[in-house]
Amino acid sequence: MHPDPAAAGRRALADRARRISRIRRRIAAAAVAAFALVWGLIAATGSLGSQSSTTTASTSQSNTTTSSSDEWGTTQSQSDDQGQSLPPVTTGQS
C-alpha cells in the first residue's frame, strides 16, 4: 500500500506554517528588544540631539580670551595679554 499523498502534503504545509510562524515571532521579538535597548540608552544618557554654542567670551583681570565658531564647527581663539597676541588655535567639534 502506498502512503496517502494528500496527508503528506498537509504535513509538509503544516511544517512550513510552523517554521514561518517561528521566524515571524523571532523577528517581532528582535524588533521589540532593539526598540527597548535604544529607548533605554536614550533614557540613560538623556541625549536626543547635539547642542552647540556659536560664540563664547570670558574675561579675567589681566587676560581676555575670545572664542568663536565658524560654519564648519572650528574654533579660533586669540588672547590679549599685555599687547601680545597668540596665533589662532583651530579645533574641530564632533
PDB file of N, CA and C in Angstrom:
ATOM      1  N   MET A   1       0.822  -1.169   0.000  1.00  0.00           N
ATOM      2  CA  MET A   1       0.000   0.000   0.000  1.00  0.00           C
ATOM      3  C   MET A   1       0.875   1.244   0.000  1.00  0.00           C
ATOM      4  N   HIS A   2       0.371   2.228  -0.670  1.00  0.00           N
ATOM      5  CA  HIS A   2       1.083   3.492  -0.777  1.00  0.00           C
ATOM      6  C   HIS A   2       0.568   4.484   0.266  1.00  0.00           C
ATOM      7  N   PRO A   3       1.503   5.279   0.818  1.00  0.00           N
ATOM      8  CA  PRO A   3       1.039   6.290   1.769  1.00  0.00           C
ATOM      9  C   PRO A   3       0.184   7.335   1.058  1.00  0.00           C
ATOM     10  N   ASP A   4      -0.678   7.932   1.804  1.00  0.00           N
ATOM     11  CA  ASP A   4      -1.615   8.924   1.255  1.00  0.00           C
ATOM     12  C   ASP A   4      -0.851  10.202   0.886  1.00  0.00           C
ATOM     13  N   PRO A   5      -0.776  10.576  -0.392  1.00  0.00           N
ATOM     14  CA  PRO A   5      -0.045  11.775  -0.789  1.00  0.00           C
ATOM     15  C   PRO A   5      -0.691  13.051  -0.263  1.00  0.00           C
ATOM     16  N   ALA A   6      -1.984  13.048  -0.088  1.00  0.00           N
ATOM     17  CA  ALA A   6      -2.660  14.244   0.427  1.00  0.00           C
ATOM     18  C   ALA A   6      -2.247  14.503   1.880  1.00  0.00           C
ATOM     19  N   ALA A   7      -2.142  13.437   2.662  1.00  0.00           N
ATOM     20  CA  ALA A   7      -1.744  13.583   4.066  1.00  0.00           C
ATOM     21  C   ALA A   7      -0.298  14.080   4.156  1.00  0.00           C
ATOM     22  N   ALA A   8       0.568  13.563   3.291  1.00  0.00           N
ATOM     23  CA  ALA A   8       1.963  14.013   3.276  1.00  0.00           C
ATOM     24  C   ALA A   8       2.042  15.493   2.905  1.00  0.00           C
ATOM     25  N   GLY A   9       1.217  15.911   1.969  1.00  0.00           N
ATOM     26  CA  GLY A   9       1.189  17.318   1.580  1.00  0.00           C
ATOM     27  C   GLY A   9       0.697  18.219   2.705  1.00  0.00           C
ATOM     28  N   ARG A  10      -0.325  17.733   3.428  1.00  0.00           N
ATOM     29  CA  ARG A  10      -0.834  18.511   4.571  1.00  0.00           C
ATOM     30  C   ARG A  10       0.220  18.647   5.661  1.00  0.00           C
ATOM     31  N   ARG A  11       0.963  17.543   5.896  1.00  0.00           N
ATOM     32  CA  ARG A  11       2.039  17.598   6.904  1.00  0.00           C
ATOM     33  C   ARG A  11       3.120  18.587   6.482  1.00  0.00           C
ATOM     34  N   ALA A  12       3.478  18.577   5.203  1.00  0.00           N
ATOM     35  CA  ALA A  12       4.509  19.494   4.707  1.00  0.00           C
ATOM     36  C   ALA A  12       4.051  20.944   4.834  1.00  0.00           C
ATOM     37  N   LEU A  13       2.787  21.193   4.512  1.00  0.00           N
ATOM     38  CA  LEU A  13       2.270  22.563   4.656  1.00  0.00           C
ATOM     39  C   LEU A  13       2.214  22.991   6.121  1.00  0.00           C
ATOM     40  N   ALA A  14       1.849  22.059   7.008  1.00  0.00           N
ATOM     41  CA  ALA A  14       1.796  22.373   8.437  1.00  0.00           C
ATOM     42  C   ALA A  14       3.199  22.669   8.975  1.00  0.00           C
ATOM     43  N   ASP A  15       4.197  21.882   8.539  1.00  0.00           N
ATOM     44  CA  ASP A  15       5.581  22.136   8.959  1.00  0.00           C
ATOM     45  C   ASP A  15       6.055  23.508   8.476  1.00  0.00           C
ATOM     46  N   ARG A  16       5.719  23.823   7.232  1.00  0.00           N
ATOM     47  CA  ARG A  16       6.109  25.116   6.664  1.00  0.00           C
ATOM     48  C   ARG A  16       5.438  26.261   7.440  1.00  0.00           C
ATOM     49  N   ALA A  17       4.180  26.100   7.779  1.00  0.00           N
ATOM     50  CA  ALA A  17       3.463  27.136   8.534  1.00  0.00           C
ATOM     51  C   ALA A  17       4.089  27.333   9.918  1.00  0.00           C
ATOM     52  N   ARG A  18       4.509  26.240  10.562  1.00  0.00           N
ATOM     53  CA  ARG A  18       5.156  26.350  11.874  1.00  0.00           C
ATOM     54  C   ARG A  18       6.504  27.080  11.762  1.00  0.00           C
ATOM     55  N   ARG A  19       7.293  26.769  10.714  1.00  0.00           N
ATOM     56  CA  ARG A  19       8.571  27.447  10.515  1.00  0.00           C
ATOM     57  C   ARG A  19       8.372  28.942  10.288  1.00  0.00           C
ATOM     58  N   ILE A  20       7.409  29.292   9.452  1.00  0.00           N
ATOM     59  CA  ILE A  20       7.136  30.709   9.176  1.00  0.00           C
ATOM     60  C   ILE A  20       6.681  31.419  10.448  1.00  0.00           C
ATOM     61  N   SER A  21       5.857  30.762  11.228  1.00  0.00           N
ATOM     62  CA  SER A  21       5.383  31.347  12.480  1.00  0.00           C
ATOM     63  C   SER A  21       6.535  31.606  13.445  1.00  0.00           C
ATOM     64  N   ARG A  22       7.462  30.642  13.550  1.00  0.00           N
ATOM     65  CA  ARG A  22       8.640  30.833  14.417  1.00  0.00           C
ATOM     66  C   ARG A  22       9.494  31.996  13.942  1.00  0.00           C
ATOM     67  N   ILE A  23       9.702  32.099  12.639  1.00  0.00           N
ATOM     68  CA  ILE A  23      10.516  33.190  12.084  1.00  0.00           C
ATOM     69  C   ILE A  23       9.859  34.533  12.386  1.00  0.00           C
ATOM     70  N   ARG A  24       8.550  34.623  12.184  1.00  0.00           N
ATOM     71  CA  ARG A  24       7.839  35.881  12.463  1.00  0.00           C
ATOM     72  C   ARG A  24       7.933  36.265  13.927  1.00  0.00           C
ATOM     73  N   ARG A  25       7.795  35.289  14.827  1.00  0.00           N
ATOM     74  CA  ARG A  25       7.908  35.584  16.259  1.00  0.00           C
ATOM     75  C   ARG A  25       9.314  36.056  16.620  1.00  0.00           C
ATOM     76  N   ARG A  26      10.328  35.443  16.031  1.00  0.00           N
ATOM     77  CA  ARG A  26      11.707  35.861  16.300  1.00  0.00           C
ATOM     78  C   ARG A  26      11.967  37.278  15.801  1.00  0.00           C
ATOM     79  N   ILE A  27      11.446  37.613  14.626  1.00  0.00           N
ATOM     80  CA  ILE A  27      11.623  38.965  14.092  1.00  0.00           C
ATOM     81  C   ILE A  27      10.922  39.980  14.984  1.00  0.00           C
ATOM     82  N   ALA A  28       9.706  39.674  15.411  1.00  0.00           N
ATOM     83  CA  ALA A  28       8.975  40.585  16.299  1.00  0.00           C
ATOM     84  C   ALA A  28       9.712  40.757  17.623  1.00  0.00           C
ATOM     85  N   ALA A  29      10.229  39.669  18.173  1.00  0.00           N
ATOM     86  CA  ALA A  29      10.967  39.755  19.435  1.00  0.00           C
ATOM     87  C   ALA A  29      12.245  40.574  19.272  1.00  0.00           C
ATOM     88  N   ALA A  30      12.936  40.416  18.157  1.00  0.00           N
ATOM     89  CA  ALA A  30      14.153  41.192  17.911  1.00  0.00           C
ATOM     90  C   ALA A  30      13.835  42.678  17.758  1.00  0.00           C
ATOM     91  N   ALA A  31      12.733  43.002  17.084  1.00  0.00           N
ATOM     92  CA  ALA A  31      12.348  44.403  16.918  1.00  0.00           C
ATOM     93  C   ALA A  31      11.995  45.034  18.263  1.00  0.00           C
ATOM     94  N   VAL A  32      11.255  44.316  19.100  1.00  0.00           N
ATOM     95  CA  VAL A  32      10.893  44.831  20.426  1.00  0.00           C
ATOM     96  C   VAL A  32      12.146  45.000  21.288  1.00  0.00           C
ATOM     97  N   ALA A  33      13.053  44.040  21.229  1.00  0.00           N
ATOM     98  CA  ALA A  33      14.284  44.130  22.014  1.00  0.00           C
ATOM     99  C   ALA A  33      15.146  45.303  21.560  1.00  0.00           C
ATOM    100  N   ALA A  34      15.268  45.513  20.258  1.00  0.00           N
ATOM    101  CA  ALA A  34      16.061  46.636  19.752  1.00  0.00           C
ATOM    102  C   ALA A  34      15.431  47.958  20.162  1.00  0.00           C
ATOM    103  N   PHE A  35      14.119  48.074  20.068  1.00  0.00           N
ATOM    104  CA  PHE A  35      13.429  49.289  20.480  1.00  0.00           C
ATOM    105  C   PHE A  35      13.660  49.567  21.962  1.00  0.00           C
ATOM    106  N   ALA A  36      13.522  48.536  22.794  1.00  0.00           N
ATOM    107  CA  ALA A  36      13.726  48.701  24.234  1.00  0.00           C
ATOM    108  C   ALA A  36      15.167  49.092  24.538  1.00  0.00           C
ATOM    109  N   LEU A  37      16.123  48.513  23.837  1.00  0.00           N
ATOM    110  CA  LEU A  37      17.528  48.835  24.059  1.00  0.00           C
ATOM    111  C   LEU A  37      17.816  50.295  23.708  1.00  0.00           C
ATOM    112  N   VAL A  38      17.338  50.747  22.559  1.00  0.00           N
ATOM    113  CA  VAL A  38      17.575  52.128  22.146  1.00  0.00           C
ATOM    114  C   VAL A  38      16.850  53.088  23.069  1.00  0.00           C
ATOM    115  N   TRP A  39      15.620  52.781  23.445  1.00  0.00           N
ATOM    116  CA  TRP A  39      14.860  53.639  24.349  1.00  0.00           C
ATOM    117  C   TRP A  39      15.567  53.734  25.706  1.00  0.00           C
ATOM    118  N   GLY A  40      16.080  52.621  26.207  1.00  0.00           N
ATOM    119  CA  GLY A  40      16.822  52.636  27.472  1.00  0.00           C
ATOM    120  C   GLY A  40      18.102  53.440  27.375  1.00  0.00           C
ATOM    121  N   LEU A  41      18.790  53.355  26.236  1.00  0.00           N
ATOM    122  CA  LEU A  41      20.014  54.121  26.039  1.00  0.00           C
ATOM    123  C   LEU A  41      19.713  55.614  26.038  1.00  0.00           C
ATOM    124  N   ILE A  42      18.659  56.017  25.355  1.00  0.00           N
ATOM    125  CA  ILE A  42      18.283  57.428  25.330  1.00  0.00           C
ATOM    126  C   ILE A  42      17.876  57.884  26.720  1.00  0.00           C
ATOM    127  N   ALA A  43      17.124  57.069  27.440  1.00  0.00           N
ATOM    128  CA  ALA A  43      16.693  57.429  28.790  1.00  0.00           C
ATOM    129  C   ALA A  43      17.883  57.534  29.740  1.00  0.00           C
ATOM    130  N   ALA A  44      18.869  56.670  29.572  1.00  0.00           N
ATOM    131  CA  ALA A  44      20.029  56.675  30.474  1.00  0.00           C
ATOM    132  C   ALA A  44      20.946  57.874  30.225  1.00  0.00           C
ATOM    133  N   THR A  45      21.145  58.220  28.958  1.00  0.00           N
ATOM    134  CA  THR A  45      22.054  59.325  28.648  1.00  0.00           C
ATOM    135  C   THR A  45      21.349  60.656  28.556  1.00  0.00           C
ATOM    136  N   GLY A  46      20.055  60.643  28.310  1.00  0.00           N
ATOM    137  CA  GLY A  46      19.308  61.884  28.170  1.00  0.00           C
ATOM    138  C   GLY A  46      19.621  62.616  26.883  1.00  0.00           C
ATOM    139  N   SER A  47      20.214  61.933  25.939  1.00  0.00           N
ATOM    140  CA  SER A  47      20.643  62.571  24.706  1.00  0.00           C
ATOM    141  C   SER A  47      19.611  62.374  23.610  1.00  0.00           C
ATOM    142  N   LEU A  48      19.070  63.500  23.122  1.00  0.00           N
ATOM    143  CA  LEU A  48      18.150  63.437  21.997  1.00  0.00           C
ATOM    144  C   LEU A  48      18.673  64.226  20.818  1.00  0.00           C
ATOM    145  N   GLY A  49      19.802  64.878  20.964  1.00  0.00           N
ATOM    146  CA  GLY A  49      20.388  65.671  19.891  1.00  0.00           C
ATOM    147  C   GLY A  49      21.601  66.400  20.422  1.00  0.00           C
ATOM    148  N   SER A  50      22.304  67.053  19.531  1.00  0.00           N
ATOM    149  CA  SER A  50      23.503  67.763  19.961  1.00  0.00           C
ATOM    150  C   SER A  50      23.185  69.244  20.125  1.00  0.00           C
ATOM    151  N   GLN A  51      23.839  69.848  21.075  1.00  0.00           N
ATOM    152  CA  GLN A  51      23.704  71.275  21.311  1.00  0.00           C
ATOM    153  C   GLN A  51      25.078  71.892  21.143  1.00  0.00           C
ATOM    154  N   SER A  52      25.146  73.051  20.496  1.00  0.00           N
ATOM    155  CA  SER A  52      26.423  73.721  20.335  1.00  0.00           C
ATOM    156  C   SER A  52      26.230  75.214  20.521  1.00  0.00           C
ATOM    157  N   SER A  53      27.252  75.863  21.020  1.00  0.00           N
ATOM    158  CA  SER A  53      27.211  77.314  21.157  1.00  0.00           C
ATOM    159  C   SER A  53      28.063  77.922  20.054  1.00  0.00           C
ATOM    160  N   THR A  54      27.675  79.103  19.588  1.00  0.00           N
ATOM    161  CA  THR A  54      28.398  79.694  18.475  1.00  0.00           C
ATOM    162  C   THR A  54      29.509  80.615  18.941  1.00  0.00           C
ATOM    163  N   THR A  55      29.302  81.401  19.985  1.00  0.00           N
ATOM    164  CA  THR A  55      30.323  82.336  20.429  1.00  0.00           C
ATOM    165  C   THR A  55      30.336  82.376  21.949  1.00  0.00           C
ATOM    166  N   THR A  56      31.539  82.297  22.529  1.00  0.00           N
ATOM    167  CA  THR A  56      31.693  82.444  23.971  1.00  0.00           C
ATOM    168  C   THR A  56      32.820  83.415  24.238  1.00  0.00           C
ATOM    169  N   ALA A  57      32.698  84.170  25.309  1.00  0.00           N
ATOM    170  CA  ALA A  57      33.752  85.113  25.695  1.00  0.00           C
ATOM    171  C   ALA A  57      33.894  85.084  27.208  1.00  0.00           C
ATOM    172  N   SER A  58      35.148  85.101  27.692  1.00  0.00           N
ATOM    173  CA  SER A  58      35.396  85.168  29.128  1.00  0.00           C
ATOM    174  C   SER A  58      36.473  86.206  29.387  1.00  0.00           C
ATOM    175  N   THR A  59      36.343  86.916  30.506  1.00  0.00           N
ATOM    176  CA  THR A  59      37.280  87.986  30.840  1.00  0.00           C
ATOM    177  C   THR A  59      37.833  87.742  32.236  1.00  0.00           C
ATOM    178  N   SER A  60      39.157  87.852  32.372  1.00  0.00           N
ATOM    179  CA  SER A  60      39.802  87.814  33.680  1.00  0.00           C
ATOM    180  C   SER A  60      40.495  89.149  33.900  1.00  0.00           C
ATOM    181  N   GLN A  61      41.230  89.317  35.001  1.00  0.00           N
ATOM    182  CA  GLN A  61      41.844  90.596  35.343  1.00  0.00           C
ATOM    183  C   GLN A  61      42.860  91.046  34.299  1.00  0.00           C
ATOM    184  N   SER A  62      43.784  90.203  33.912  1.00  0.00           N
ATOM    185  CA  SER A  62      44.840  90.646  33.010  1.00  0.00           C
ATOM    186  C   SER A  62      44.799  89.948  31.647  1.00  0.00           C
ATOM    187  N   ASN A  63      43.835  89.078  31.425  1.00  0.00           N
ATOM    188  CA  ASN A  63      43.829  88.289  30.199  1.00  0.00           C
ATOM    189  C   ASN A  63      42.414  88.235  29.640  1.00  0.00           C
ATOM    190  N   THR A  64      42.262  88.546  28.380  1.00  0.00           N
ATOM    191  CA  THR A  64      40.964  88.472  27.718  1.00  0.00           C
ATOM    192  C   THR A  64      41.063  87.440  26.609  1.00  0.00           C
ATOM    193  N   THR A  65      40.163  86.464  26.616  1.00  0.00           N
ATOM    194  CA  THR A  65      40.158  85.413  25.609  1.00  0.00           C
ATOM    195  C   THR A  65      38.795  85.389  24.948  1.00  0.00           C
ATOM    196  N   THR A  66      38.788  85.370  23.640  1.00  0.00           N
ATOM    197  CA  THR A  66      37.542  85.294  22.894  1.00  0.00           C
ATOM    198  C   THR A  66      37.616  84.090  21.963  1.00  0.00           C
ATOM    199  N   SER A  67      36.580  83.269  21.999  1.00  0.00           N
ATOM    200  CA  SER A  67      36.498  82.102  21.122  1.00  0.00           C
ATOM    201  C   SER A  67      35.252  82.241  20.271  1.00  0.00           C
ATOM    202  N   SER A  68      35.362  81.856  19.012  1.00  0.00           N
ATOM    203  CA  SER A  68      34.186  81.872  18.150  1.00  0.00           C
ATOM    204  C   SER A  68      34.232  80.656  17.241  1.00  0.00           C
ATOM    205  N   SER A  69      33.057  80.176  16.879  1.00  0.00           N
ATOM    206  CA  SER A  69      32.949  79.020  15.985  1.00  0.00           C
ATOM    207  C   SER A  69      32.463  79.505  14.635  1.00  0.00           C
ATOM    208  N   ASP A  70      33.045  78.967  13.573  1.00  0.00           N
ATOM    209  CA  ASP A  70      32.571  79.324  12.244  1.00  0.00           C
ATOM    210  C   ASP A  70      31.581  78.270  11.760  1.00  0.00           C
ATOM    211  N   GLU A  71      31.170  78.359  10.517  1.00  0.00           N
ATOM    212  CA  GLU A  71      30.133  77.483   9.995  1.00  0.00           C
ATOM    213  C   GLU A  71      30.546  76.022   9.896  1.00  0.00           C
ATOM    214  N   TRP A  72      31.830  75.700   9.950  1.00  0.00           N
ATOM    215  CA  TRP A  72      32.288  74.309   9.873  1.00  0.00           C
ATOM    216  C   TRP A  72      32.533  73.713  11.248  1.00  0.00           C
ATOM    217  N   GLY A  73      32.283  74.468  12.324  1.00  0.00           N
ATOM    218  CA  GLY A  73      32.452  73.948  13.673  1.00  0.00           C
ATOM    219  C   GLY A  73      33.862  74.067  14.200  1.00  0.00           C
ATOM    220  N   THR A  74      34.717  74.877  13.555  1.00  0.00           N
ATOM    221  CA  THR A  74      36.066  75.059  14.072  1.00  0.00           C
ATOM    222  C   THR A  74      36.084  76.278  14.980  1.00  0.00           C
ATOM    223  N   THR A  75      36.956  76.266  15.954  1.00  0.00           N
ATOM    224  CA  THR A  75      37.033  77.348  16.936  1.00  0.00           C
ATOM    225  C   THR A  75      38.385  78.021  16.816  1.00  0.00           C
ATOM    226  N   GLN A  76      38.375  79.334  16.797  1.00  0.00           N
ATOM    227  CA  GLN A  76      39.612  80.106  16.768  1.00  0.00           C
ATOM    228  C   GLN A  76      39.661  80.963  18.026  1.00  0.00           C
ATOM    229  N   SER A  77      40.818  80.990  18.678  1.00  0.00           N
ATOM    230  CA  SER A  77      40.980  81.765  19.902  1.00  0.00           C
ATOM    231  C   SER A  77      42.159  82.717  19.749  1.00  0.00           C
ATOM    232  N   GLN A  78      41.994  83.917  20.285  1.00  0.00           N
ATOM    233  CA  GLN A  78      43.083  84.878  20.340  1.00  0.00           C
ATOM    234  C   GLN A  78      43.100  85.460  21.740  1.00  0.00           C
ATOM    235  N   SER A  79      44.289  85.690  22.262  1.00  0.00           N
ATOM    236  CA  SER A  79      44.433  86.192  23.615  1.00  0.00           C
ATOM    237  C   SER A  79      45.131  87.538  23.600  1.00  0.00           C
ATOM    238  N   ASP A  80      44.624  88.465  24.418  1.00  0.00           N
ATOM    239  CA  ASP A  80      45.220  89.787  24.537  1.00  0.00           C
ATOM    240  C   ASP A  80      45.820  89.891  25.931  1.00  0.00           C
ATOM    241  N   ASP A  81      47.114  89.595  26.050  1.00  0.00           N
ATOM    242  CA  ASP A  81      47.799  89.645  27.334  1.00  0.00           C
ATOM    243  C   ASP A  81      48.979  90.585  27.185  1.00  0.00           C
ATOM    244  N   GLN A  82      48.843  91.807  27.678  1.00  0.00           N
ATOM    245  CA  GLN A  82      49.881  92.840  27.643  1.00  0.00           C
ATOM    246  C   GLN A  82      50.279  93.155  26.204  1.00  0.00           C
ATOM    247  N   GLY A  83      49.299  93.262  25.318  1.00  0.00           N
ATOM    248  CA  GLY A  83      49.568  93.671  23.952  1.00  0.00           C
ATOM    249  C   GLY A  83      50.084  92.573  23.045  1.00  0.00           C
ATOM    250  N   GLN A  84      50.242  91.364  23.524  1.00  0.00           N
ATOM    251  CA  GLN A  84      50.740  90.276  22.688  1.00  0.00           C
ATOM    252  C   GLN A  84      49.558  89.428  22.231  1.00  0.00           C
ATOM    253  N   SER A  85      49.607  89.020  21.001  1.00  0.00           N
ATOM    254  CA  SER A  85      48.535  88.143  20.515  1.00  0.00           C
ATOM    255  C   SER A  85      49.122  86.764  20.181  1.00  0.00           C
ATOM    256  N   LEU A  86      48.349  85.760  20.459  1.00  0.00           N
ATOM    257  CA  LEU A  86      48.765  84.392  20.198  1.00  0.00           C
ATOM    258  C   LEU A  86      48.251  83.978  18.824  1.00  0.00           C
ATOM    259  N   PRO A  87      48.911  83.033  18.188  1.00  0.00           N
ATOM    260  CA  PRO A  87      48.396  82.558  16.900  1.00  0.00           C
ATOM    261  C   PRO A  87      47.045  81.859  17.100  1.00  0.00           C
ATOM    262  N   PRO A  88      46.181  81.887  16.097  1.00  0.00           N
ATOM    263  CA  PRO A  88      44.871  81.251  16.236  1.00  0.00           C
ATOM    264  C   PRO A  88      45.012  79.734  16.427  1.00  0.00           C
ATOM    265  N   VAL A  89      44.143  79.199  17.263  1.00  0.00           N
ATOM    266  CA  VAL A  89      44.103  77.755  17.524  1.00  0.00           C
ATOM    267  C   VAL A  89      42.795  77.224  16.924  1.00  0.00           C
ATOM    268  N   THR A  90      42.890  76.201  16.123  1.00  0.00           N
ATOM    269  CA  THR A  90      41.716  75.631  15.476  1.00  0.00           C
ATOM    270  C   THR A  90      41.461  74.245  16.013  1.00  0.00           C
ATOM    271  N   THR A  91      40.247  74.020  16.465  1.00  0.00           N
ATOM    272  CA  THR A  91      39.827  72.687  16.942  1.00  0.00           C
ATOM    273  C   THR A  91      38.549  72.315  16.242  1.00  0.00           C
ATOM    274  N   GLY A  92      38.345  71.037  16.013  1.00  0.00           N
ATOM    275  CA  GLY A  92      37.119  70.558  15.374  1.00  0.00           C
ATOM    276  C   GLY A  92      36.142  70.059  16.408  1.00  0.00           C
ATOM    277  N   GLN A  93      34.890  70.254  16.140  1.00  0.00           N
ATOM    278  CA  GLN A  93      33.851  69.743  17.018  1.00  0.00           C
ATOM    279  C   GLN A  93      33.181  68.564  16.341  1.00  0.00           C
ATOM    280  N   SER A  94      32.794  67.576  17.146  1.00  0.00           N
ATOM    281  CA  SER A  94      32.117  66.423  16.551  1.00  0.00           C
ATOM    282  C   SER A  94      30.668  66.434  16.908  1.00  0.00           C
TER     283      SER A  94
END
